[in-house]
């Protein structure tokens, strides 16, 4: 694996996709295609506890520079509801620079 700072956006997406599949479970993930435009609310239907689990896995995977919890804490509720996987991937990519 490349050092985290050298991961491409596609590699970050693939890692985030794997983490999402782990969080939602294999049975649910079978029918999911997680892409940049996939929304957490409408498409993935993530619950609050799943967001917490995802945040923990993101930090375990990418390190403390990816603080998902602090990042979404600065958002309005409407922004969180509308958030896409692509926005998260872009945040992670910027955080790793």
N, C-alpha and C. Protein backbone atom coordinates (compact mmCIF):
# COMPACT_ATOMS: atom_id res chain seq x y z
N UNK A 1 0.85 -1.20 0.00
CA UNK A 1 0.00 0.00 0.00
C UNK A 1 0.88 1.24 0.00
N UNK A 2 0.44 2.25 -0.73
CA UNK A 2 1.15 3.52 -0.78
C UNK A 2 1.05 4.23 0.56
N UNK A 3 2.03 5.10 0.86
CA UNK A 3 1.85 5.95 2.04
C UNK A 3 0.54 6.73 1.89
N UNK A 4 -0.11 7.00 2.99
CA UNK A 4 -1.42 7.66 2.95
C UNK A 4 -1.41 8.96 2.16
N UNK A 5 -0.31 9.71 2.24
CA UNK A 5 -0.24 11.00 1.55
C UNK A 5 -0.23 10.82 0.03
N UNK A 6 0.09 9.62 -0.46
CA UNK A 6 0.18 9.40 -1.89
C UNK A 6 -1.03 8.67 -2.47
N UNK A 7 -2.05 8.47 -1.68
CA UNK A 7 -3.25 7.79 -2.17
C UNK A 7 -3.98 8.68 -3.17
N UNK A 8 -4.40 8.10 -4.27
CA UNK A 8 -5.21 8.84 -5.23
C UNK A 8 -6.64 8.92 -4.70
N UNK A 9 -7.42 9.80 -5.30
CA UNK A 9 -8.83 9.92 -4.90
C UNK A 9 -9.55 8.59 -5.13
N UNK A 10 -9.21 7.89 -6.20
CA UNK A 10 -9.83 6.60 -6.48
C UNK A 10 -9.48 5.57 -5.40
N UNK A 11 -8.25 5.59 -4.94
CA UNK A 11 -7.83 4.66 -3.88
C UNK A 11 -8.54 5.00 -2.56
N UNK A 12 -8.70 6.29 -2.29
CA UNK A 12 -9.44 6.69 -1.09
C UNK A 12 -10.89 6.23 -1.21
N UNK A 13 -11.50 6.42 -2.38
CA UNK A 13 -12.88 5.96 -2.60
C UNK A 13 -12.98 4.46 -2.38
N UNK A 14 -12.06 3.69 -2.92
CA UNK A 14 -12.11 2.23 -2.75
C UNK A 14 -12.02 1.84 -1.27
N UNK A 15 -11.17 2.53 -0.52
CA UNK A 15 -11.03 2.25 0.91
C UNK A 15 -12.30 2.64 1.66
N UNK A 16 -12.84 3.82 1.35
CA UNK A 16 -14.09 4.26 1.99
C UNK A 16 -15.21 3.29 1.66
N UNK A 17 -15.28 2.85 0.43
CA UNK A 17 -16.29 1.88 0.00
C UNK A 17 -16.20 0.61 0.85
N UNK A 18 -15.00 0.08 1.03
CA UNK A 18 -14.80 -1.12 1.84
C UNK A 18 -15.25 -0.89 3.28
N UNK A 19 -14.92 0.27 3.83
CA UNK A 19 -15.32 0.58 5.21
C UNK A 19 -16.84 0.68 5.34
N UNK A 20 -17.48 1.28 4.35
CA UNK A 20 -18.94 1.39 4.37
C UNK A 20 -19.56 -0.01 4.32
N UNK A 21 -19.03 -0.87 3.46
CA UNK A 21 -19.54 -2.24 3.37
C UNK A 21 -19.40 -2.96 4.71
N UNK A 22 -18.29 -2.74 5.39
CA UNK A 22 -18.08 -3.35 6.71
C UNK A 22 -19.10 -2.84 7.72
N UNK A 23 -19.37 -1.54 7.67
CA UNK A 23 -20.27 -0.91 8.64
C UNK A 23 -21.73 -1.34 8.42
N UNK A 24 -22.17 -1.39 7.16
CA UNK A 24 -23.58 -1.71 6.90
C UNK A 24 -23.85 -3.21 6.90
N UNK A 25 -22.81 -4.00 6.77
CA UNK A 25 -22.98 -5.45 6.80
C UNK A 25 -23.08 -6.05 5.41
N UNK A 26 -22.61 -7.28 5.29
CA UNK A 26 -22.57 -7.96 4.00
C UNK A 26 -23.94 -8.12 3.36
N UNK A 27 -24.93 -8.48 4.13
CA UNK A 27 -26.26 -8.72 3.57
C UNK A 27 -26.82 -7.48 2.89
N UNK A 28 -26.67 -6.34 3.54
CA UNK A 28 -27.17 -5.09 3.00
C UNK A 28 -26.28 -4.60 1.85
N UNK A 29 -24.98 -4.81 1.98
CA UNK A 29 -24.01 -4.29 1.02
C UNK A 29 -24.07 -4.98 -0.34
N UNK A 30 -24.63 -6.17 -0.39
CA UNK A 30 -24.69 -6.92 -1.65
C UNK A 30 -25.34 -6.10 -2.76
N UNK A 31 -26.38 -5.37 -2.43
CA UNK A 31 -27.13 -4.60 -3.42
C UNK A 31 -26.64 -3.16 -3.58
N UNK A 32 -25.56 -2.79 -2.91
CA UNK A 32 -25.09 -1.40 -2.94
C UNK A 32 -23.95 -1.20 -3.92
N UNK A 33 -24.03 -0.13 -4.67
CA UNK A 33 -22.91 0.35 -5.47
C UNK A 33 -22.55 1.72 -4.92
N UNK A 34 -21.48 1.77 -4.17
CA UNK A 34 -21.08 3.02 -3.53
C UNK A 34 -20.12 3.75 -4.47
N UNK A 35 -20.57 4.91 -4.93
CA UNK A 35 -19.80 5.76 -5.83
C UNK A 35 -19.71 7.17 -5.24
N UNK A 36 -19.03 8.07 -5.92
CA UNK A 36 -18.84 9.43 -5.41
C UNK A 36 -20.17 10.13 -5.17
N UNK A 37 -21.17 9.90 -6.02
CA UNK A 37 -22.45 10.60 -5.88
C UNK A 37 -23.43 9.92 -4.90
N UNK A 38 -23.04 8.79 -4.33
CA UNK A 38 -23.89 8.08 -3.39
C UNK A 38 -24.10 8.93 -2.13
N UNK A 39 -25.35 9.09 -1.72
CA UNK A 39 -25.62 9.88 -0.51
C UNK A 39 -25.73 8.95 0.69
N UNK A 40 -25.27 9.45 1.82
CA UNK A 40 -25.33 8.66 3.04
C UNK A 40 -26.76 8.47 3.53
N UNK A 41 -27.58 9.48 3.36
CA UNK A 41 -28.95 9.42 3.86
C UNK A 41 -29.88 8.68 2.91
N UNK A 42 -30.01 9.17 1.69
CA UNK A 42 -30.99 8.61 0.75
C UNK A 42 -30.60 7.25 0.20
N UNK A 43 -29.32 7.09 -0.16
CA UNK A 43 -28.89 5.84 -0.80
C UNK A 43 -28.47 4.78 0.22
N UNK A 44 -27.64 5.17 1.18
CA UNK A 44 -27.11 4.20 2.14
C UNK A 44 -27.98 4.03 3.37
N UNK A 45 -28.77 5.06 3.67
CA UNK A 45 -29.66 5.05 4.84
C UNK A 45 -28.91 4.73 6.13
N UNK A 46 -27.72 5.36 6.30
CA UNK A 46 -26.93 5.13 7.49
C UNK A 46 -27.61 5.72 8.72
N UNK A 47 -27.61 4.96 9.79
CA UNK A 47 -28.13 5.40 11.09
C UNK A 47 -27.01 6.11 11.85
N UNK A 48 -27.36 6.79 12.91
CA UNK A 48 -26.38 7.53 13.71
C UNK A 48 -25.26 6.63 14.22
N UNK A 49 -25.61 5.46 14.71
CA UNK A 49 -24.60 4.55 15.25
C UNK A 49 -23.65 4.07 14.15
N UNK A 50 -24.17 3.95 12.93
CA UNK A 50 -23.32 3.55 11.81
C UNK A 50 -22.35 4.67 11.44
N UNK A 51 -22.79 5.92 11.57
CA UNK A 51 -21.90 7.05 11.35
C UNK A 51 -20.75 7.04 12.36
N UNK A 52 -21.08 6.74 13.62
CA UNK A 52 -20.07 6.67 14.67
C UNK A 52 -19.06 5.56 14.35
N UNK A 53 -19.56 4.42 13.97
CA UNK A 53 -18.69 3.30 13.61
C UNK A 53 -17.81 3.65 12.42
N UNK A 54 -18.40 4.28 11.40
CA UNK A 54 -17.64 4.70 10.24
C UNK A 54 -16.55 5.69 10.64
N UNK A 55 -16.88 6.64 11.50
CA UNK A 55 -15.90 7.62 11.96
C UNK A 55 -14.72 6.94 12.64
N UNK A 56 -14.99 5.95 13.47
CA UNK A 56 -13.93 5.21 14.15
C UNK A 56 -13.05 4.46 13.15
N UNK A 57 -13.67 3.83 12.18
CA UNK A 57 -12.91 3.07 11.18
C UNK A 57 -12.09 3.98 10.27
N UNK A 58 -12.64 5.15 9.97
CA UNK A 58 -11.89 6.11 9.17
C UNK A 58 -10.62 6.55 9.91
N UNK A 59 -10.74 6.83 11.20
CA UNK A 59 -9.59 7.25 11.98
C UNK A 59 -8.59 6.11 12.13
N UNK A 60 -9.09 4.89 12.33
CA UNK A 60 -8.19 3.73 12.41
C UNK A 60 -7.43 3.52 11.11
N UNK A 61 -8.09 3.75 10.00
CA UNK A 61 -7.51 3.51 8.68
C UNK A 61 -6.60 4.64 8.22
N UNK A 62 -7.07 5.88 8.37
CA UNK A 62 -6.35 7.02 7.81
C UNK A 62 -5.58 7.83 8.84
N UNK A 63 -5.78 7.56 10.12
CA UNK A 63 -5.07 8.28 11.16
C UNK A 63 -5.86 9.47 11.68
N UNK A 64 -5.26 10.14 12.62
CA UNK A 64 -5.95 11.24 13.31
C UNK A 64 -6.18 12.47 12.45
N UNK A 65 -5.49 12.57 11.33
CA UNK A 65 -5.70 13.74 10.47
C UNK A 65 -7.09 13.71 9.82
N UNK A 66 -7.73 12.54 9.81
CA UNK A 66 -9.09 12.42 9.28
C UNK A 66 -10.04 12.31 10.46
N UNK A 67 -10.47 13.47 10.93
CA UNK A 67 -11.37 13.55 12.08
C UNK A 67 -12.79 13.81 11.59
N UNK A 68 -13.45 12.75 11.16
CA UNK A 68 -14.79 12.80 10.60
C UNK A 68 -15.77 13.50 11.54
N UNK A 69 -15.68 13.18 12.82
CA UNK A 69 -16.60 13.75 13.80
C UNK A 69 -16.48 15.27 13.87
N UNK A 70 -15.27 15.77 13.92
CA UNK A 70 -15.07 17.23 13.95
C UNK A 70 -15.51 17.87 12.65
N UNK A 71 -15.26 17.18 11.54
CA UNK A 71 -15.63 17.71 10.23
C UNK A 71 -17.15 17.90 10.13
N UNK A 72 -17.92 16.87 10.50
CA UNK A 72 -19.38 17.02 10.38
C UNK A 72 -19.96 17.90 11.47
N UNK A 73 -19.21 18.09 12.57
CA UNK A 73 -19.69 18.96 13.64
C UNK A 73 -19.83 20.40 13.17
N UNK A 74 -19.09 20.76 12.13
CA UNK A 74 -19.14 22.12 11.59
C UNK A 74 -20.21 22.29 10.51
N UNK A 75 -20.98 21.25 10.26
CA UNK A 75 -22.01 21.30 9.21
C UNK A 75 -23.39 21.54 9.82
N UNK A 76 -24.25 22.11 8.99
CA UNK A 76 -25.65 22.23 9.34
C UNK A 76 -26.31 20.86 9.15
N UNK A 77 -27.43 20.62 9.81
CA UNK A 77 -28.13 19.35 9.70
C UNK A 77 -28.44 19.01 8.25
N UNK A 78 -28.89 20.01 7.49
CA UNK A 78 -29.23 19.79 6.09
C UNK A 78 -28.02 19.34 5.27
N UNK A 79 -26.84 19.88 5.60
CA UNK A 79 -25.62 19.49 4.90
C UNK A 79 -25.25 18.04 5.21
N UNK A 80 -25.42 17.64 6.45
CA UNK A 80 -25.12 16.27 6.85
C UNK A 80 -26.08 15.30 6.14
N UNK A 81 -27.34 15.66 6.11
CA UNK A 81 -28.34 14.81 5.46
C UNK A 81 -28.04 14.65 3.97
N UNK A 82 -27.56 15.71 3.33
CA UNK A 82 -27.30 15.70 1.89
C UNK A 82 -25.90 15.20 1.53
N UNK A 83 -25.06 14.91 2.52
CA UNK A 83 -23.67 14.56 2.28
C UNK A 83 -23.52 13.32 1.40
N UNK A 84 -22.55 13.39 0.48
CA UNK A 84 -22.28 12.27 -0.41
C UNK A 84 -20.94 11.62 -0.05
N UNK A 85 -20.75 10.43 -0.56
CA UNK A 85 -19.48 9.73 -0.39
C UNK A 85 -18.36 10.56 -1.01
N UNK A 86 -18.64 11.21 -2.13
CA UNK A 86 -17.64 12.04 -2.78
C UNK A 86 -17.15 13.18 -1.90
N UNK A 87 -18.04 13.79 -1.16
CA UNK A 87 -17.63 14.86 -0.24
C UNK A 87 -16.69 14.30 0.82
N UNK A 88 -17.00 13.12 1.33
CA UNK A 88 -16.14 12.49 2.33
C UNK A 88 -14.78 12.15 1.73
N UNK A 89 -14.77 11.60 0.54
CA UNK A 89 -13.51 11.25 -0.14
C UNK A 89 -12.67 12.50 -0.35
N UNK A 90 -13.28 13.59 -0.77
CA UNK A 90 -12.54 14.84 -0.96
C UNK A 90 -11.99 15.36 0.35
N UNK A 91 -12.77 15.27 1.42
CA UNK A 91 -12.30 15.68 2.74
C UNK A 91 -11.08 14.85 3.17
N UNK A 92 -11.17 13.54 2.99
CA UNK A 92 -10.07 12.65 3.38
C UNK A 92 -8.83 12.97 2.56
N UNK A 93 -9.00 13.13 1.25
CA UNK A 93 -7.86 13.43 0.39
C UNK A 93 -7.16 14.73 0.81
N UNK A 94 -7.93 15.75 1.12
CA UNK A 94 -7.35 17.02 1.58
C UNK A 94 -6.69 16.87 2.94
N UNK A 95 -7.27 16.08 3.81
CA UNK A 95 -6.72 15.88 5.15
C UNK A 95 -5.39 15.14 5.10
N UNK A 96 -5.21 14.30 4.10
CA UNK A 96 -3.98 13.50 3.99
C UNK A 96 -2.84 14.26 3.32
N UNK A 97 -3.14 15.40 2.70
CA UNK A 97 -2.09 16.17 2.02
C UNK A 97 -1.09 16.75 2.99
